[in-house]
């Protein structure tokens, strides 16, 4: 039951992200959206972003085929690319204390970075580079694949992963029902929308993998039950 609850909580990120997206639209209105669409500069950026997203999808697909759906091989690949991976006892509980979850931990500054460095045995430094923290228990392949996709998107320099944006994103996911975006600047709003996009892309990629592997009928079950373990 505990494992099921944790997986449902992670899947809920998708729904909270949708709520966040609706709140953003409500806070800033359609006029700003039209302004974004009519901006040549933003349109060029979006075109480049779409091209990189397509590359991410293709490359991650190729990588998971090469690794034969083996979670440890994915972790080995991550480490081979220079990102540290830590397997920690009670990882979920420890990370919840600083509003993080197992998987990819993007760059952190300040007290949160210090905390992460301490629990991973990296000393007392107030900044961390992106890293992976997972449980020392059995690895859930599909959830790892989601985090791997996000990590690869980060490595490909897609927007939405910088420290300040991620902190705002995590905050508004946690408090989405009471979140107010009226105090956000135009730039902050755009960056948070990018973070939402990356999260959504990762979820959609994993669901597509599940559909191709096991059929569409089991997508939700694989994302929320023990059936996701390999």
Protein backbone atom coordinates (compact mmCIF):
# COMPACT_ATOMS: atom_id res chain seq x y z
CA UNK A 1 0.00 0.00 0.00
CA UNK A 2 2.85 2.39 0.82
CA UNK A 3 4.50 1.78 -2.57
CA UNK A 4 1.16 2.31 -4.33
CA UNK A 5 0.64 5.60 -2.49
CA UNK A 6 4.08 6.86 -3.48
CA UNK A 7 3.52 6.04 -7.14
CA UNK A 8 0.10 7.68 -7.21
CA UNK A 9 1.65 10.78 -5.62
CA UNK A 10 4.21 10.95 -8.42
CA UNK A 11 1.60 10.47 -11.11
CA UNK A 12 -0.34 13.31 -9.48
CA UNK A 13 2.45 15.67 -10.57
CA UNK A 14 0.97 15.47 -14.05
CA UNK A 15 -2.43 16.58 -12.87
CA UNK A 16 -1.01 19.31 -10.65
CA UNK A 17 1.00 20.56 -13.61
CA UNK A 18 -2.21 20.86 -15.61
CA UNK A 19 -3.79 22.79 -12.75
CA UNK A 20 -0.75 25.05 -12.66
CA UNK A 21 -1.00 25.66 -16.39
CA UNK A 22 -4.66 26.66 -16.04
CA UNK A 23 -3.79 29.04 -13.21
CA UNK A 24 -1.10 30.66 -15.34
CA UNK A 25 -3.57 31.25 -18.16
CA UNK A 26 -6.11 32.66 -15.73
CA UNK A 27 -3.59 34.97 -14.12
CA UNK A 28 -2.10 36.45 -17.28
CA UNK A 29 -4.93 36.19 -19.76
CA UNK A 30 -5.12 35.50 -23.48
CA UNK A 31 -3.61 38.83 -24.57
CA UNK A 32 -0.19 37.87 -23.30
CA UNK A 33 -0.45 34.52 -25.05
CA UNK A 34 -1.20 36.32 -28.29
CA UNK A 35 1.80 38.55 -27.69
CA UNK A 36 4.01 35.52 -27.28
CA UNK A 37 2.70 33.97 -30.48
CA UNK A 38 3.18 37.17 -32.44
CA UNK A 39 6.76 37.65 -31.28
CA UNK A 40 9.28 36.68 -33.98
CA UNK A 41 11.98 36.19 -31.37
CA UNK A 42 9.89 33.87 -29.23
CA UNK A 43 8.65 31.99 -32.30
CA UNK A 44 12.25 31.36 -33.38
CA UNK A 45 13.08 30.12 -29.90
CA UNK A 46 10.06 27.83 -29.92
CA UNK A 47 11.06 26.39 -33.30
CA UNK A 48 14.54 25.60 -31.97
CA UNK A 49 13.06 24.16 -28.79
CA UNK A 50 10.75 21.87 -30.75
CA UNK A 51 13.72 20.65 -32.76
CA UNK A 52 15.65 19.80 -29.58
CA UNK A 53 12.59 18.10 -28.06
CA UNK A 54 12.37 15.88 -31.13
CA UNK A 55 16.06 15.02 -30.78
CA UNK A 56 15.60 14.19 -27.08
CA UNK A 57 12.72 11.84 -27.85
CA UNK A 58 14.68 10.04 -30.57
CA UNK A 59 17.90 9.75 -28.58
CA UNK A 60 16.22 8.55 -25.38
CA UNK A 61 14.30 5.96 -27.41
CA UNK A 62 17.58 4.73 -28.91
CA UNK A 63 19.26 4.62 -25.50
CA UNK A 64 16.52 2.58 -23.81
CA UNK A 65 16.61 0.10 -26.70
CA UNK A 66 20.37 -0.22 -26.28
CA UNK A 67 20.03 -0.79 -22.54
CA UNK A 68 17.30 -3.43 -23.04
CA UNK A 69 14.98 -1.81 -20.47
CA UNK A 70 17.56 -2.41 -17.75
CA UNK A 71 17.33 0.26 -15.01
CA UNK A 72 20.90 -0.27 -13.81
CA UNK A 73 22.22 0.30 -17.33
CA UNK A 74 20.34 3.61 -17.44
CA UNK A 75 21.98 4.61 -14.17
CA UNK A 76 25.37 3.53 -15.52
CA UNK A 77 24.80 5.70 -18.58
CA UNK A 78 23.92 8.68 -16.40
CA UNK A 79 27.11 8.28 -14.38
CA UNK A 80 29.19 7.79 -17.52
CA UNK A 81 27.99 11.22 -18.66
CA UNK A 82 29.28 12.85 -15.48
CA UNK A 83 26.15 12.98 -13.32
CA UNK A 84 26.52 11.41 -9.88
CA UNK A 85 24.01 8.76 -8.78
CA UNK A 86 23.36 8.04 -5.08
CA UNK A 87 21.40 5.11 -3.66
CA UNK A 88 20.20 6.11 -0.21
CA UNK A 89 18.17 4.37 2.49
CA UNK A 90 14.83 6.10 3.15
CA UNK A 91 15.51 8.41 0.20
CA UNK A 92 11.84 9.36 -0.26
CA UNK A 93 11.37 10.50 3.34
CA UNK A 94 14.66 12.39 3.39
CA UNK A 95 13.88 14.25 0.17
CA UNK A 96 10.32 15.12 1.16
CA UNK A 97 11.77 17.30 3.92
CA UNK A 98 13.09 19.72 1.28
CA UNK A 99 10.25 19.32 -1.25
CA UNK A 100 12.21 17.03 -3.57
CA UNK A 101 11.52 13.50 -4.83
CA UNK A 102 13.66 10.55 -5.82
CA UNK A 103 15.19 10.72 -9.27
CA UNK A 104 16.71 13.79 -10.85
CA UNK A 105 17.66 16.59 -8.47
CA UNK A 106 18.38 19.71 -10.48
CA UNK A 107 20.97 22.29 -9.44
CA UNK A 108 20.38 23.60 -5.92
CA UNK A 109 21.68 26.57 -3.94
CA UNK A 110 21.63 27.52 -0.27
CA UNK A 111 20.29 25.42 2.60
CA UNK A 112 18.67 22.84 0.32
CA UNK A 113 21.98 22.27 -1.43
CA UNK A 114 23.73 21.91 1.93
CA UNK A 115 21.15 19.34 3.05
CA UNK A 116 21.50 17.30 -0.15
CA UNK A 117 25.29 17.41 0.06
CA UNK A 118 25.18 16.16 3.65
CA UNK A 119 22.84 13.20 2.99
CA UNK A 120 24.90 12.21 -0.07
CA UNK A 121 28.21 12.54 1.78
CA UNK A 122 29.54 15.36 -0.38
CA UNK A 123 30.46 17.71 2.42
CA UNK A 124 29.10 21.05 3.58
CA UNK A 125 28.79 23.00 0.34
CA UNK A 126 25.95 25.41 -0.42
CA UNK A 127 25.56 24.47 -4.10
CA UNK A 128 24.98 21.20 -5.93
CA UNK A 129 25.25 20.21 -9.56
CA UNK A 130 22.41 18.09 -11.02
CA UNK A 131 22.46 14.58 -9.55
CA UNK A 132 20.34 11.48 -9.08
CA UNK A 133 19.12 10.21 -5.72
CA UNK A 134 17.23 6.92 -5.63
CA UNK A 135 16.17 4.42 -3.01
CA UNK A 136 18.45 1.54 -2.13
CA UNK A 137 15.45 -0.72 -2.73
CA UNK A 138 14.27 -2.20 -6.03
CA UNK A 139 14.28 0.36 -8.86
CA UNK A 140 10.98 1.18 -10.54
CA UNK A 141 11.89 1.18 -14.23
CA UNK A 142 9.13 3.39 -15.58
CA UNK A 143 9.57 6.05 -12.93
CA UNK A 144 13.34 5.93 -13.52
CA UNK A 145 12.70 6.32 -17.25
CA UNK A 146 10.68 9.47 -16.58
CA UNK A 147 13.52 10.95 -14.55
CA UNK A 148 16.04 9.83 -17.18
CA UNK A 149 14.06 11.67 -19.85
CA UNK A 150 14.08 14.84 -17.74
CA UNK A 151 17.82 14.46 -17.15
CA UNK A 152 18.49 14.07 -20.86
CA UNK A 153 16.36 17.14 -21.58
CA UNK A 154 18.48 19.03 -19.07
CA UNK A 155 21.69 17.78 -20.71
CA UNK A 156 20.37 19.00 -24.06
CA UNK A 157 19.92 22.45 -22.50
CA UNK A 158 16.16 22.67 -22.88
CA UNK A 159 14.77 25.60 -20.84
CA UNK A 160 13.01 25.29 -17.49
CA UNK A 161 15.71 23.61 -15.38
CA UNK A 162 17.49 26.58 -13.81
CA UNK A 163 17.47 26.78 -10.01
CA UNK A 164 15.06 29.69 -9.52
CA UNK A 165 12.53 28.38 -12.04
CA UNK A 166 12.59 24.87 -10.58
CA UNK A 167 12.10 26.21 -7.05
CA UNK A 168 9.03 28.20 -8.14
CA UNK A 169 7.75 25.23 -10.12
CA UNK A 170 8.05 22.85 -7.14
CA UNK A 171 6.44 25.41 -4.85
CA UNK A 172 3.42 25.94 -7.07
CA UNK A 173 3.03 22.20 -7.68
CA UNK A 174 2.87 21.65 -3.94
CA UNK A 175 0.50 24.51 -3.28
CA UNK A 176 -1.29 24.58 -6.65
CA UNK A 177 -4.77 24.92 -5.13
CA UNK A 178 -3.82 28.16 -3.35
CA UNK A 179 -1.16 29.43 -5.74
CA UNK A 180 -1.27 32.99 -6.97
CA UNK A 181 0.69 34.08 -10.02
CA UNK A 182 -0.18 37.75 -9.97
CA UNK A 183 3.20 38.69 -8.49
CA UNK A 184 5.20 36.78 -11.09
CA UNK A 185 7.01 38.78 -13.74
CA UNK A 186 6.50 38.09 -17.44
CA UNK A 187 9.89 36.39 -17.61
CA UNK A 188 9.15 34.21 -14.58
CA UNK A 189 5.83 33.15 -16.08
CA UNK A 190 7.50 32.08 -19.32
CA UNK A 191 10.17 30.09 -17.46
CA UNK A 192 7.62 28.26 -15.31
CA UNK A 193 5.62 27.37 -18.41
CA UNK A 194 8.83 25.84 -19.81
CA UNK A 195 9.25 23.78 -16.62
CA UNK A 196 5.67 22.56 -16.98
CA UNK A 197 6.36 21.61 -20.59
CA UNK A 198 9.41 19.53 -19.67
CA UNK A 199 7.45 17.67 -16.98
CA UNK A 200 4.60 16.98 -19.38
CA UNK A 201 6.95 15.79 -22.13
CA UNK A 202 8.59 13.29 -19.77
CA UNK A 203 5.25 11.86 -18.65
CA UNK A 204 3.96 11.57 -22.21
CA UNK A 205 7.15 9.84 -23.34
CA UNK A 206 6.91 7.19 -20.61
CA UNK A 207 3.22 6.60 -21.33
CA UNK A 208 4.04 6.10 -25.01
CA UNK A 209 6.73 3.56 -24.11
CA UNK A 210 4.21 1.68 -21.97
CA UNK A 211 1.62 1.72 -24.76
CA UNK A 212 4.10 0.28 -27.23
CA UNK A 213 5.35 -2.36 -24.81
CA UNK A 214 2.17 -3.49 -23.05
CA UNK A 215 -0.78 -1.94 -24.82
CA UNK A 216 -2.80 1.17 -24.05
CA UNK A 217 -5.17 -0.53 -21.61
CA UNK A 218 -2.46 -0.90 -18.96
CA UNK A 219 -0.89 2.57 -19.12
CA UNK A 220 -2.48 3.95 -15.95
CA UNK A 221 -1.96 0.69 -14.09
CA UNK A 222 1.72 0.56 -14.96
CA UNK A 223 2.21 4.12 -13.75
CA UNK A 224 0.38 3.59 -10.44
CA UNK A 225 0.83 -0.03 -9.32
CA UNK A 226 3.52 -2.55 -8.58
CA UNK A 227 3.26 -3.69 -12.20
CA UNK A 228 5.74 -1.00 -13.10
CA UNK A 229 8.60 -2.80 -11.38
CA UNK A 230 11.10 -4.70 -13.50
